[in-house]
Amino acid sequence: MFDLIDDLEKRGLLESFSDEKKIKEMLQTKRTVYCGFDPSAKSLQLGNFIMIHILRRFQKAGHRVIAVLGGATGMIGDPSGKQSERKFLDSEQVKANAECIRRQLSKYIDTSDPEKGIIVNNYDWWSKTDILTFLRDYGKKFQVNYMLSKEVVKSRLEVGISYTEFSYMILQSGDFLRLFKDEGCQIQFGGGDQWGNLTTALDFVKRSLGSDTEAEVFSFKLITDANGKKFGKSESGALYLDPEMTSPYRIYQYFMNVSDADVRKYLYIFDDRPIEEINAIYERHMAHPELREGQKELAKTIVTSLHGSEAAESCLKMSLALFSDDFHGLGENELSQLTDGLVVVQADEPKNLVDALIELKLASSKRESREFIGNGAVKVNGEKVTDVNFVLSRENALPGGYLFVKRGKKNYASLLFKE
């Protein structure tokens, strides 16, 4: 069987193991592994896709995978990495989020055969557990001093941590025991910020079933860019996997704009091709970094993995349209995606270009607007405009009522005439 752990190590992704040698031995044969997902929103984020992609790699390597929706734990809130207690989501909202994420995960994980993979919701068992059973069967096996020693709790002691959040690791531990017993799941993994929860869960399983129980955990490094910024966060906030919340084009542009230093790192994470092939791509890229071939390969790989090859081709077409200032080959949906991340102003009536530049935040005053226009620095739908009396209207808009206004080389905004 393909040594996936060795490959992930070479890609620089792995951080901690409960027992590295034992995990490698176990994965020489088909095993069941699991990872959990928090339904704090109706869509997972780009950062979550690292864990999804790794689950998918385990599945492709011949292992059985379980994606666990935190329908119960999502009502509590994981204190990991948080400086203060989360606000509770309404229970109905958590249920709705979990169902949305179930559908999302099913796009990426093959659940056509339960022997290949399943998606479960921990609400299904915790909602049936009464408080006395919880305290006697679960709480009894946890020593408070042990829980206090975990970084996830220690980091919150000064500002305070409620009993509710303090209990989170008990719930996650119960998940591992449940999946071990019912699904034969012997391995759990998560991000580096989950290490305290992972090891607590493992300890609980071994205390419940015996110290020689064949169960292990491991974690992955938290990914940051070359500037130390958390992966998957844009200037305008989180990037979501739901195309209605974050367009494929915006994801594409996120990766088109990563630094040269991050190209190989991200290809190592998301590109299944052998490391030697990725290194060759990176070497070609660094020979002529100004061509951004590495970013193009990365953006194509990610969008294809998330939304399919047609979406990736469409994003390439949109990117070329912005570069060439030729929008006329794009459909309404593609034009709509191009506005994602831009300043967009809706208009009902024709608008003078001088005033529009100010509304679109491309100029700070009428005097500055006139200067930009007079100097030939302004384009409308790819055409240079030097007439300060030029009027933007529905008649000169693209399909869907879109007008793209560009000032200088990279400053874009959009005026939208809705039908």
Foldseek 3Di string as FASTA:
>chain_A
DDQVVVLCVVLVWFDDKPDVVLVSVVLVDAAEEEEEDALLDLFDFPLVVLVLLVQLVSLVVPYEYEYEYALPLNQLDALQPPQDGDDGDDSVRSVNSSVSHLVQSCVRAPPVDNRRYDYYYLCVPVVVQDPVCCCVVQVVPDDVVLLCVQPSNVSHVVVDDDVSNSCSLSSLLVVVLVCCVPPVHAEYEEAPSCVSSQVSSVVRNCVVPHVPDRHIYTYTYQDDAPVRHGPQADPVGHHGLPCVVANLLNLLVVLLPGDLVCLLSLCSSQPPDRNVVSVVQSVVCVVPVVVSSSSLVSSQSVSCSRPRNVSSVLSVVLVVCLQQLADQVDDPVSLVNVQVVAAEAEDAFKDQQLVVCCVRVVDVHSVRSLVQLCVQQKDKSSHTHNDSRDIDGQVPAHPQQWIWMGGHNDHIHIYGYHD
